[in-house]
C-alpha atoms as a PDB file:
ATOM      1  CA  MET A   1       8.377  -9.844   0.939  1.00  0.00           C
ATOM      2  CA  THR A   2       6.970  -9.849   4.461  1.00  0.00           C
ATOM      3  CA  ARG A   3       5.473 -13.222   5.374  1.00  0.00           C
ATOM      4  CA  ALA A   4       3.552 -14.655   8.437  1.00  0.00           C
ATOM      5  CA  GLN A   5       3.549 -11.575  10.550  1.00  0.00           C
ATOM      6  CA  PHE A   6       0.377 -13.080  11.956  1.00  0.00           C
ATOM      7  CA  GLY A   7       0.889 -16.734  12.868  1.00  0.00           C
ATOM      8  CA  GLU A   8      -0.332 -18.940  15.588  1.00  0.00           C
ATOM      9  CA  GLY A   9       1.445 -16.951  18.413  1.00  0.00           C
ATOM     10  CA  GLU A  10      -0.093 -13.599  17.389  1.00  0.00           C
ATOM     11  CA  LEU A  11      -3.520 -15.119  16.810  1.00  0.00           C
ATOM     12  CA  ARG A  12      -3.531 -16.929  20.259  1.00  0.00           C
ATOM     13  CA  ARG A  13      -2.693 -13.500  21.896  1.00  0.00           C
ATOM     14  CA  MET A  14      -5.742 -11.920  20.428  1.00  0.00           C
ATOM     15  CA  LYS A  15      -9.100 -11.976  22.438  1.00  0.00           C
ATOM     16  CA  ALA A  16     -11.622 -14.623  21.525  1.00  0.00           C
ATOM     17  CA  THR A  17     -13.940 -11.859  20.453  1.00  0.00           C
ATOM     18  CA  ALA A  18     -11.366 -10.184  18.154  1.00  0.00           C
ATOM     19  CA  PHE A  19     -11.773  -9.992  14.396  1.00  0.00           C
ATOM     20  CA  LEU A  20      -8.668  -9.946  12.226  1.00  0.00           C
ATOM     21  CA  ILE A  21      -9.026  -7.560   9.208  1.00  0.00           C
ATOM     22  CA  ASN A  22      -6.283  -7.697   6.496  1.00  0.00           C
ATOM     23  CA  THR A  23      -6.386  -5.268   3.648  1.00  0.00           C
ATOM     24  CA  ALA A  24      -2.683  -5.368   3.187  1.00  0.00           C
ATOM     25  CA  ARG A  25      -0.825  -8.146   1.555  1.00  0.00           C
ATOM     26  CA  GLY A  26      -1.995 -11.802   1.712  1.00  0.00           C
ATOM     27  CA  PRO A  27       1.190 -13.356   2.930  1.00  0.00           C
ATOM     28  CA  ILE A  28       1.328 -11.398   6.112  1.00  0.00           C
ATOM     29  CA  VAL A  29      -1.185 -13.672   7.556  1.00  0.00           C
ATOM     30  CA  SER A  30      -0.539 -17.405   7.828  1.00  0.00           C
ATOM     31  CA  ASP A  31      -3.644 -19.192   6.158  1.00  0.00           C
ATOM     32  CA  ALA A  32      -3.001 -22.295   8.212  1.00  0.00           C
ATOM     33  CA  ALA A  33      -2.735 -20.425  11.504  1.00  0.00           C
ATOM     34  CA  LEU A  34      -5.792 -18.426  10.626  1.00  0.00           C
ATOM     35  CA  TYR A  35      -7.842 -21.484   9.740  1.00  0.00           C
ATOM     36  CA  ARG A  36      -6.863 -23.141  12.964  1.00  0.00           C
ATOM     37  CA  GLY A  37      -7.523 -20.017  15.069  1.00  0.00           C
ATOM     38  CA  LEU A  38     -10.974 -19.450  13.479  1.00  0.00           C
ATOM     39  CA  LYS A  39     -11.859 -23.264  13.767  1.00  0.00           C
ATOM     40  CA  GLU A  40     -10.668 -23.595  17.314  1.00  0.00           C
ATOM     41  CA  GLY A  41     -12.144 -20.201  18.447  1.00  0.00           C
ATOM     42  CA  TRP A  42      -8.889 -18.375  19.157  1.00  0.00           C
ATOM     43  CA  ILE A  43     -10.560 -15.325  17.445  1.00  0.00           C
ATOM     44  CA  ALA A  44     -14.185 -14.692  16.407  1.00  0.00           C
ATOM     45  CA  GLY A  45     -13.747 -13.936  12.789  1.00  0.00           C
ATOM     46  CA  ALA A  46     -11.707 -12.677  10.022  1.00  0.00           C
ATOM     47  CA  ALA A  47     -12.136 -10.557   6.812  1.00  0.00           C
ATOM     48  CA  VAL A  48      -9.545 -10.292   4.228  1.00  0.00           C
ATOM     49  CA  ASP A  49      -9.262  -8.950   0.568  1.00  0.00           C
ATOM     50  CA  VAL A  50      -6.382 -11.380  -0.286  1.00  0.00           C
ATOM     51  CA  ILE A  51      -5.284 -14.700   0.929  1.00  0.00           C
ATOM     52  CA  GLU A  52      -1.670 -15.956   1.538  1.00  0.00           C
ATOM     53  CA  GLY A  53      -1.618 -17.695  -1.759  1.00  0.00           C
ATOM     54  CA  GLU A  54      -2.649 -14.505  -3.690  1.00  0.00           C
ATOM     55  CA  PRO A  55      -4.789 -16.070  -6.439  1.00  0.00           C
ATOM     56  CA  GLY A  56      -4.022 -13.284  -8.891  1.00  0.00           C
ATOM     57  CA  LYS A  57      -0.301 -14.405  -8.944  1.00  0.00           C
ATOM     58  CA  GLN A  58      -1.091 -18.036  -9.706  1.00  0.00           C
ATOM     59  CA  ARG A  59      -1.736 -19.538 -13.192  1.00  0.00           C
ATOM     60  CA  ASP A  60      -4.186 -22.425 -12.371  1.00  0.00           C
ATOM     61  CA  TRP A  61      -5.498 -21.248  -9.000  1.00  0.00           C
ATOM     62  CA  ARG A  62      -8.424 -23.156  -7.612  1.00  0.00           C
ATOM     63  CA  PRO A  63     -10.785 -21.934  -4.734  1.00  0.00           C
ATOM     64  CA  ASP A  64      -9.944 -24.780  -2.487  1.00  0.00           C
ATOM     65  CA  ASN A  65      -8.545 -22.933   0.531  1.00  0.00           C
ATOM     66  CA  PRO A  66     -10.041 -24.411   3.753  1.00  0.00           C
ATOM     67  CA  LEU A  67     -10.782 -20.885   5.011  1.00  0.00           C
ATOM     68  CA  PHE A  68     -13.490 -20.614   2.496  1.00  0.00           C
ATOM     69  CA  THR A  69     -15.453 -23.258   4.270  1.00  0.00           C
ATOM     70  CA  LEU A  70     -15.638 -21.342   7.485  1.00  0.00           C
ATOM     71  CA  PRO A  71     -18.744 -19.283   8.402  1.00  0.00           C
ATOM     72  CA  ASN A  72     -16.629 -16.757  10.383  1.00  0.00           C
ATOM     73  CA  PHE A  73     -14.375 -15.998   7.464  1.00  0.00           C
ATOM     74  CA  VAL A  74     -15.148 -13.352   4.737  1.00  0.00           C
ATOM     75  CA  VAL A  75     -12.978 -12.665   1.760  1.00  0.00           C
ATOM     76  CA  ARG A  76     -13.525  -9.872  -0.832  1.00  0.00           C
ATOM     77  CA  PRO A  77     -11.633  -9.090  -4.013  1.00  0.00           C
ATOM     78  CA  HIS A  78      -8.421  -7.300  -3.581  1.00  0.00           C
ATOM     79  CA  ALA A  79      -9.822  -4.638  -6.019  1.00  0.00           C
ATOM     80  CA  ALA A  80     -12.957  -4.058  -3.920  1.00  0.00           C
ATOM     81  CA  TYR A  81     -12.165  -0.383  -3.839  1.00  0.00           C
ATOM     82  CA  TYR A  82     -12.908  -0.071  -7.551  1.00  0.00           C
ATOM     83  CA  SER A  83     -15.759   2.127  -8.671  1.00  0.00           C
ATOM     84  CA  GLU A  84     -16.040   4.884 -11.188  1.00  0.00           C
ATOM     85  CA  GLU A  85     -16.087   7.475  -8.441  1.00  0.00           C
ATOM     86  CA  ALA A  86     -12.894   5.899  -6.911  1.00  0.00           C
ATOM     87  CA  MET A  87     -11.152   6.041 -10.328  1.00  0.00           C
ATOM     88  CA  ARG A  88     -12.199   9.629 -10.867  1.00  0.00           C
ATOM     89  CA  THR A  89     -10.818  10.531  -7.385  1.00  0.00           C
ATOM     90  CA  VAL A  90      -7.454   8.738  -8.037  1.00  0.00           C
ATOM     91  CA  ARG A  91      -7.021  10.667 -11.410  1.00  0.00           C
ATOM     92  CA  ASP A  92      -8.098  13.931  -9.911  1.00  0.00           C
ATOM     93  CA  PHE A  93      -5.668  13.565  -6.925  1.00  0.00           C
ATOM     94  CA  ALA A  94      -2.808  12.598  -9.244  1.00  0.00           C
ATOM     95  CA  ALA A  95      -3.494  15.615 -11.607  1.00  0.00           C
ATOM     96  CA  ARG A  96      -3.646  17.956  -8.725  1.00  0.00           C
ATOM     97  CA  GLU A  97      -0.282  16.605  -7.310  1.00  0.00           C
ATOM     98  CA  VAL A  98       1.357  17.288 -10.716  1.00  0.00           C
ATOM     99  CA  VAL A  99      -0.001  20.845 -10.782  1.00  0.00           C
ATOM    100  CA  ARG A 100       1.314  21.415  -7.246  1.00  0.00           C
ATOM    101  CA  VAL A 101       4.795  20.304  -8.080  1.00  0.00           C
ATOM    102  CA  LEU A 102       4.927  22.201 -11.405  1.00  0.00           C
ATOM    103  CA  THR A 103       3.816  25.364  -9.710  1.00  0.00           C
ATOM    104  CA  GLY A 104       6.427  25.206  -7.057  1.00  0.00           C
ATOM    105  CA  GLN A 105       4.445  23.585  -4.205  1.00  0.00           C
ATOM    106  CA  PRO A 106       5.564  20.599  -2.393  1.00  0.00           C
ATOM    107  CA  PRO A 107       3.571  17.384  -3.117  1.00  0.00           C
ATOM    108  CA  LEU A 108       1.018  16.314  -0.502  1.00  0.00           C
ATOM    109  CA  SER A 109       1.899  12.634  -0.751  1.00  0.00           C
ATOM    110  CA  PRO A 110       5.642  12.177  -1.813  1.00  0.00           C
ATOM    111  CA  VAL A 111       6.912   8.647  -1.943  1.00  0.00           C
ATOM    112  CA  ASN A 112      10.179  10.018  -0.622  1.00  0.00           C
ATOM    113  CA  ALA A 113       8.689  12.081   2.161  1.00  0.00           C
ATOM    114  CA  ASN A 114      11.825  11.798   4.440  1.00  0.00           C
ATOM    115  CA  GLN A 115      14.086  13.351   1.720  1.00  0.00           C
ATOM    116  CA  VAL A 116      11.491  16.064   0.981  1.00  0.00           C
ATOM    117  CA  ALA A 117      11.011  16.899   4.697  1.00  0.00           C
ATOM    118  CA  SER A 118      14.669  16.975   5.365  1.00  0.00           C
ATOM    119  CA  ALA A 119      15.398  19.252   2.443  1.00  0.00           C
ATOM    120  CA  ASP A 120      17.167  22.364   3.643  1.00  0.00           C
ATOM    121  CA  ARG A 121      15.962  24.387   0.726  1.00  0.00           C
ATOM    122  CA  ALA A 122      12.550  25.376  -0.445  1.00  0.00           C
ATOM    123  CA  TRP A 123      10.704  23.296  -3.096  1.00  0.00           C
ATOM    124  CA  ARG A 124      10.877  24.662  -6.598  1.00  0.00           C
ATOM    125  CA  PRO A 125       9.216  23.606  -9.790  1.00  0.00           C
ATOM    126  CA  LEU A 126      11.175  21.799 -12.675  1.00  0.00           C
ATOM    127  CA  ALA A 127      12.925  24.343 -14.812  1.00  0.00           C
ATOM    128  CA  ALA A 128      14.899  24.264 -18.103  1.00  0.00           C
ATOM    129  CA  GLY A 129      18.541  23.938 -17.381  1.00  0.00           C
ATOM    130  CA  PRO A 130      21.744  22.279 -18.743  1.00  0.00           C
ATOM    131  CA  GLY A 131      20.125  18.860 -19.028  1.00  0.00           C
ATOM    132  CA  PRO A 132      16.705  18.070 -20.440  1.00  0.00           C
ATOM    133  CA  ARG A 133      15.106  19.036 -17.108  1.00  0.00           C
ATOM    134  CA  GLU A 134      16.244  19.630 -13.573  1.00  0.00           C
ATOM    135  CA  ALA A 135      14.866  20.390 -10.171  1.00  0.00           C
ATOM    136  CA  LEU A 136      16.031  23.620  -8.707  1.00  0.00           C
ATOM    137  CA  ALA A 137      16.100  24.813  -4.992  1.00  0.00           C
ATOM    138  CA  SER A 138      14.794  28.365  -4.172  1.00  0.00           C
ATOM    139  CA  ASP A 139      18.507  29.614  -4.481  1.00  0.00           C
ATOM    140  CA  GLY A 140      18.727  28.388  -8.068  1.00  0.00           C
ATOM    141  CA  THR A 141      21.095  25.495  -7.361  1.00  0.00           C
ATOM    142  CA  ARG A 142      20.414  22.144  -8.759  1.00  0.00           C
ATOM    143  CA  LEU A 143      18.880  19.534  -6.391  1.00  0.00           C
ATOM    144  CA  PRO A 144      20.420  16.057  -6.556  1.00  0.00           C
ATOM    145  CA  SER A 145      18.597  13.633  -8.864  1.00  0.00           C
ATOM    146  CA  GLU A 146      18.332  10.941  -6.165  1.00  0.00           C
ATOM    147  CA  ARG A 147      16.150  13.394  -4.153  1.00  0.00           C
ATOM    148  CA  THR A 148      14.023  14.548  -6.930  1.00  0.00           C
ATOM    149  CA  GLY A 149      13.842  11.565  -9.327  1.00  0.00           C
ATOM    150  CA  VAL A 150      14.746  14.011 -12.072  1.00  0.00           C
ATOM    151  CA  SER A 151      17.872  13.142 -14.172  1.00  0.00           C
ATOM    152  CA  PRO A 152      19.910  16.257 -15.137  1.00  0.00           C
END
């Protein structure tokens, strides 16, 4: 896991008028360095949706982080994106991606984009083959399962 990408050195190099916004993972920002930077005025403020200790991963977590006492620090739940509209959008997007792949179109957001982009053959939908399912290239040859995630 990436930790302390933003520590004292990085915070001190920021302008005193800067605001640190972290919507990634909590541990990438050192809470101790951020507290000191906010308290001593190295930066103007910070807004995060998760802290270094990631409360959701701790059994008996208590809200005693000193950052919570600062007026120039804002924390929101890591799930702040949640709304009925957001959930509909996520489900709709996932369903459309499945339809794209099953109709022979490349996915819009593949997790293995480098492999898909470097493929020397056109994308093809899943088809019945020797195994339960296989991914085929446009010339009918089987694509390796490590590129498609489909086991032959």
